Amino acid sequence: MPLFNYKLTYAAETKNTELRKSNPQGWLLQAVEATFPEIASRCADEIIRLRLEKINGLKQTWRATLKENSGNLCIYVTQVSPRV
């Protein structure tokens, strides 16, 4: 399975987590739980509905943004290793 790096930014704080999964989309909630558990518990339904968008010009990199009353949670995902 490939390894994905999830870089999440909320307010002025940025956190990273890596997950070895089959695809980056299906594990957004798990990545948010690992980095910002309070947002995950408050916004689980919205996170599940987020869709990653490919970033043009960057290979194997996607992004999504969760708009929340107190700020935006920006998620960037990069595949750091191929399937093994």
N, C-alpha and C. Protein backbone atom coordinates (compact mmCIF):
# COMPACT_ATOMS: atom_id res chain seq x y z
N MET A 1 0.83 -1.17 0.00
CA MET A 1 0.00 0.00 0.00
C MET A 1 0.88 1.24 0.00
N PRO A 2 0.42 2.30 -0.67
CA PRO A 2 1.21 3.53 -0.67
C PRO A 2 1.14 4.25 0.67
N LEU A 3 2.11 5.11 0.90
CA LEU A 3 2.17 5.92 2.10
C LEU A 3 1.78 7.35 1.72
N PHE A 4 0.84 7.94 2.48
CA PHE A 4 0.39 9.29 2.24
C PHE A 4 0.73 10.18 3.42
N ASN A 5 1.21 11.40 3.13
CA ASN A 5 1.45 12.40 4.16
C ASN A 5 0.28 13.38 4.12
N TYR A 6 -0.36 13.56 5.26
CA TYR A 6 -1.47 14.50 5.42
C TYR A 6 -0.95 15.69 6.21
N LYS A 7 -0.95 16.86 5.59
CA LYS A 7 -0.54 18.10 6.25
C LYS A 7 -1.81 18.91 6.49
N LEU A 8 -2.14 19.14 7.74
CA LEU A 8 -3.36 19.84 8.10
C LEU A 8 -3.03 21.14 8.81
N THR A 9 -3.69 22.22 8.39
CA THR A 9 -3.48 23.53 8.99
C THR A 9 -4.82 24.06 9.47
N TYR A 10 -4.83 24.48 10.73
CA TYR A 10 -6.02 25.09 11.32
C TYR A 10 -5.55 26.29 12.14
N ALA A 11 -6.12 27.45 11.85
CA ALA A 11 -5.67 28.71 12.47
C ALA A 11 -4.18 28.86 12.15
N ALA A 12 -3.34 29.02 13.13
CA ALA A 12 -1.91 29.19 12.88
C ALA A 12 -1.12 27.92 13.16
N GLU A 13 -1.80 26.80 13.30
CA GLU A 13 -1.14 25.55 13.68
C GLU A 13 -1.17 24.55 12.52
N THR A 14 -0.03 23.96 12.25
CA THR A 14 0.09 22.94 11.20
C THR A 14 0.60 21.65 11.83
N LYS A 15 -0.08 20.56 11.47
CA LYS A 15 0.31 19.24 11.97
C LYS A 15 0.36 18.27 10.80
N ASN A 16 1.17 17.23 10.95
CA ASN A 16 1.32 16.21 9.92
C ASN A 16 1.05 14.83 10.49
N THR A 17 0.54 13.97 9.64
CA THR A 17 0.41 12.56 9.98
C THR A 17 0.60 11.76 8.71
N GLU A 18 1.08 10.55 8.84
CA GLU A 18 1.25 9.67 7.68
C GLU A 18 0.38 8.44 7.88
N LEU A 19 -0.26 8.04 6.80
CA LEU A 19 -1.10 6.85 6.81
C LEU A 19 -0.75 5.99 5.61
N ARG A 20 -0.61 4.70 5.83
CA ARG A 20 -0.37 3.75 4.75
C ARG A 20 -1.72 3.10 4.45
N LYS A 21 -2.35 3.60 3.40
CA LYS A 21 -3.70 3.17 3.04
C LYS A 21 -3.79 2.98 1.54
N SER A 22 -4.91 2.44 1.09
CA SER A 22 -5.08 2.16 -0.34
C SER A 22 -5.33 3.42 -1.15
N ASN A 23 -5.93 4.44 -0.54
CA ASN A 23 -6.17 5.70 -1.24
C ASN A 23 -6.28 6.82 -0.22
N PRO A 24 -6.02 8.07 -0.61
CA PRO A 24 -6.03 9.15 0.37
C PRO A 24 -7.42 9.63 0.75
N GLN A 25 -8.39 9.51 -0.13
CA GLN A 25 -9.72 10.07 0.09
C GLN A 25 -10.46 9.41 1.26
N GLY A 26 -10.43 8.10 1.31
CA GLY A 26 -11.23 7.39 2.30
C GLY A 26 -10.75 7.52 3.73
N TRP A 27 -9.62 8.18 3.94
CA TRP A 27 -9.04 8.21 5.28
C TRP A 27 -8.89 9.63 5.82
N LEU A 28 -9.62 10.59 5.23
CA LEU A 28 -9.53 11.97 5.71
C LEU A 28 -9.93 12.10 7.19
N LEU A 29 -11.01 11.45 7.57
CA LEU A 29 -11.45 11.54 8.96
C LEU A 29 -10.38 11.00 9.90
N GLN A 30 -9.76 9.89 9.55
CA GLN A 30 -8.72 9.31 10.40
C GLN A 30 -7.53 10.27 10.52
N ALA A 31 -7.18 10.95 9.43
CA ALA A 31 -6.07 11.91 9.47
C ALA A 31 -6.41 13.10 10.36
N VAL A 32 -7.66 13.59 10.29
CA VAL A 32 -8.06 14.70 11.14
C VAL A 32 -8.11 14.25 12.60
N GLU A 33 -8.60 13.05 12.86
CA GLU A 33 -8.63 12.53 14.23
C GLU A 33 -7.23 12.47 14.83
N ALA A 34 -6.24 12.13 14.02
CA ALA A 34 -4.86 12.00 14.51
C ALA A 34 -4.20 13.35 14.77
N THR A 35 -4.68 14.40 14.13
CA THR A 35 -4.02 15.71 14.25
C THR A 35 -4.84 16.74 15.01
N PHE A 36 -6.12 16.82 14.72
CA PHE A 36 -7.01 17.77 15.38
C PHE A 36 -8.26 17.03 15.85
N PRO A 37 -8.15 16.23 16.91
CA PRO A 37 -9.28 15.40 17.35
C PRO A 37 -10.53 16.19 17.71
N GLU A 38 -10.36 17.41 18.21
CA GLU A 38 -11.52 18.21 18.57
C GLU A 38 -12.34 18.60 17.34
N ILE A 39 -11.68 18.87 16.23
CA ILE A 39 -12.38 19.18 14.98
C ILE A 39 -13.04 17.91 14.43
N ALA A 40 -12.35 16.80 14.51
CA ALA A 40 -12.90 15.53 14.02
C ALA A 40 -14.18 15.18 14.75
N SER A 41 -14.21 15.37 16.06
CA SER A 41 -15.42 15.03 16.82
C SER A 41 -16.55 16.00 16.54
N ARG A 42 -16.22 17.24 16.28
CA ARG A 42 -17.22 18.28 16.05
C ARG A 42 -17.76 18.26 14.61
N CYS A 43 -16.94 17.84 13.65
CA CYS A 43 -17.29 17.98 12.23
C CYS A 43 -17.15 16.68 11.44
N ALA A 44 -17.32 15.54 12.07
CA ALA A 44 -17.09 14.25 11.40
C ALA A 44 -17.90 14.11 10.12
N ASP A 45 -19.18 14.46 10.15
CA ASP A 45 -20.01 14.31 8.96
C ASP A 45 -19.51 15.16 7.79
N GLU A 46 -19.10 16.39 8.08
CA GLU A 46 -18.59 17.26 7.03
C GLU A 46 -17.26 16.76 6.47
N ILE A 47 -16.41 16.23 7.34
CA ILE A 47 -15.12 15.71 6.89
C ILE A 47 -15.32 14.51 5.97
N ILE A 48 -16.24 13.65 6.31
CA ILE A 48 -16.52 12.47 5.48
C ILE A 48 -16.99 12.89 4.09
N ARG A 49 -17.70 14.00 3.99
CA ARG A 49 -18.21 14.47 2.70
C ARG A 49 -17.20 15.29 1.90
N LEU A 50 -16.08 15.67 2.50
CA LEU A 50 -15.06 16.42 1.77
C LEU A 50 -14.53 15.60 0.60
N ARG A 51 -14.20 16.26 -0.48
CA ARG A 51 -13.60 15.59 -1.63
C ARG A 51 -12.26 16.22 -1.93
N LEU A 52 -11.24 15.39 -2.03
CA LEU A 52 -9.91 15.88 -2.38
C LEU A 52 -9.89 16.31 -3.84
N GLU A 53 -9.23 17.43 -4.11
CA GLU A 53 -9.06 17.93 -5.47
C GLU A 53 -7.58 17.84 -5.82
N LYS A 54 -7.31 17.36 -7.03
CA LYS A 54 -5.93 17.28 -7.52
C LYS A 54 -5.37 18.68 -7.65
N ILE A 55 -4.13 18.89 -7.24
CA ILE A 55 -3.45 20.18 -7.40
C ILE A 55 -2.67 20.14 -8.71
N ASN A 56 -3.04 20.99 -9.63
CA ASN A 56 -2.38 21.04 -10.93
C ASN A 56 -0.91 21.37 -10.79
N GLY A 57 -0.09 20.66 -11.53
CA GLY A 57 1.34 20.90 -11.53
C GLY A 57 2.11 20.14 -10.46
N LEU A 58 1.41 19.51 -9.54
CA LEU A 58 2.07 18.71 -8.50
C LEU A 58 1.64 17.26 -8.64
N LYS A 59 2.62 16.39 -8.69
CA LYS A 59 2.34 14.97 -8.87
C LYS A 59 1.87 14.34 -7.56
N GLN A 60 0.79 13.58 -7.63
CA GLN A 60 0.26 12.83 -6.48
C GLN A 60 0.02 13.72 -5.26
N THR A 61 -0.59 14.90 -5.49
CA THR A 61 -0.88 15.84 -4.41
C THR A 61 -2.31 16.35 -4.56
N TRP A 62 -3.03 16.38 -3.45
CA TRP A 62 -4.44 16.78 -3.43
C TRP A 62 -4.67 17.75 -2.28
N ARG A 63 -5.84 18.44 -2.32
CA ARG A 63 -6.20 19.33 -1.22
C ARG A 63 -7.70 19.35 -1.01
N ALA A 64 -8.08 19.76 0.19
CA ALA A 64 -9.48 19.96 0.55
C ALA A 64 -9.51 21.00 1.67
N THR A 65 -10.62 21.70 1.77
CA THR A 65 -10.78 22.70 2.81
C THR A 65 -12.13 22.51 3.49
N LEU A 66 -12.09 22.46 4.80
CA LEU A 66 -13.30 22.40 5.61
C LEU A 66 -13.52 23.80 6.17
N LYS A 67 -14.62 24.43 5.75
CA LYS A 67 -14.95 25.76 6.25
C LYS A 67 -15.75 25.60 7.54
N GLU A 68 -15.24 26.23 8.59
CA GLU A 68 -15.86 26.12 9.89
C GLU A 68 -16.05 27.53 10.45
N ASN A 69 -16.97 27.71 11.37
CA ASN A 69 -17.24 29.03 11.93
C ASN A 69 -16.00 29.69 12.51
N SER A 70 -15.18 28.94 13.19
CA SER A 70 -14.01 29.51 13.86
C SER A 70 -12.76 29.52 12.98
N GLY A 71 -12.85 29.06 11.73
CA GLY A 71 -11.70 29.07 10.83
C GLY A 71 -11.76 27.93 9.84
N ASN A 72 -10.81 27.89 8.94
CA ASN A 72 -10.74 26.84 7.93
C ASN A 72 -9.71 25.79 8.30
N LEU A 73 -10.05 24.55 8.04
CA LEU A 73 -9.10 23.45 8.16
C LEU A 73 -8.65 23.11 6.75
N CYS A 74 -7.40 23.35 6.45
CA CYS A 74 -6.84 23.07 5.12
C CYS A 74 -6.08 21.76 5.18
N ILE A 75 -6.39 20.88 4.23
CA ILE A 75 -5.79 19.55 4.19
C ILE A 75 -5.04 19.39 2.88
N TYR A 76 -3.77 19.05 2.97
CA TYR A 76 -2.96 18.75 1.79
C TYR A 76 -2.46 17.32 1.94
N VAL A 77 -2.61 16.54 0.89
CA VAL A 77 -2.20 15.13 0.92
C VAL A 77 -1.21 14.88 -0.20
N THR A 78 -0.11 14.24 0.13
CA THR A 78 0.90 13.88 -0.87
C THR A 78 1.26 12.43 -0.70
N GLN A 79 1.30 11.72 -1.82
CA GLN A 79 1.76 10.33 -1.79
C GLN A 79 3.27 10.37 -1.73
N VAL A 80 3.84 9.79 -0.66
CA VAL A 80 5.30 9.85 -0.47
C VAL A 80 6.00 8.56 -0.84
N SER A 81 5.26 7.48 -0.97
CA SER A 81 5.89 6.25 -1.47
C SER A 81 4.85 5.48 -2.27
N PRO A 82 5.31 4.81 -3.31
CA PRO A 82 4.38 4.05 -4.16
C PRO A 82 3.93 2.76 -3.49
N ARG A 83 3.03 2.11 -4.14
CA ARG A 83 2.61 0.79 -3.66
C ARG A 83 3.80 -0.14 -3.60
N VAL A 84 3.82 -0.96 -2.57
CA VAL A 84 4.91 -1.95 -2.47
C VAL A 84 4.33 -3.34 -2.51
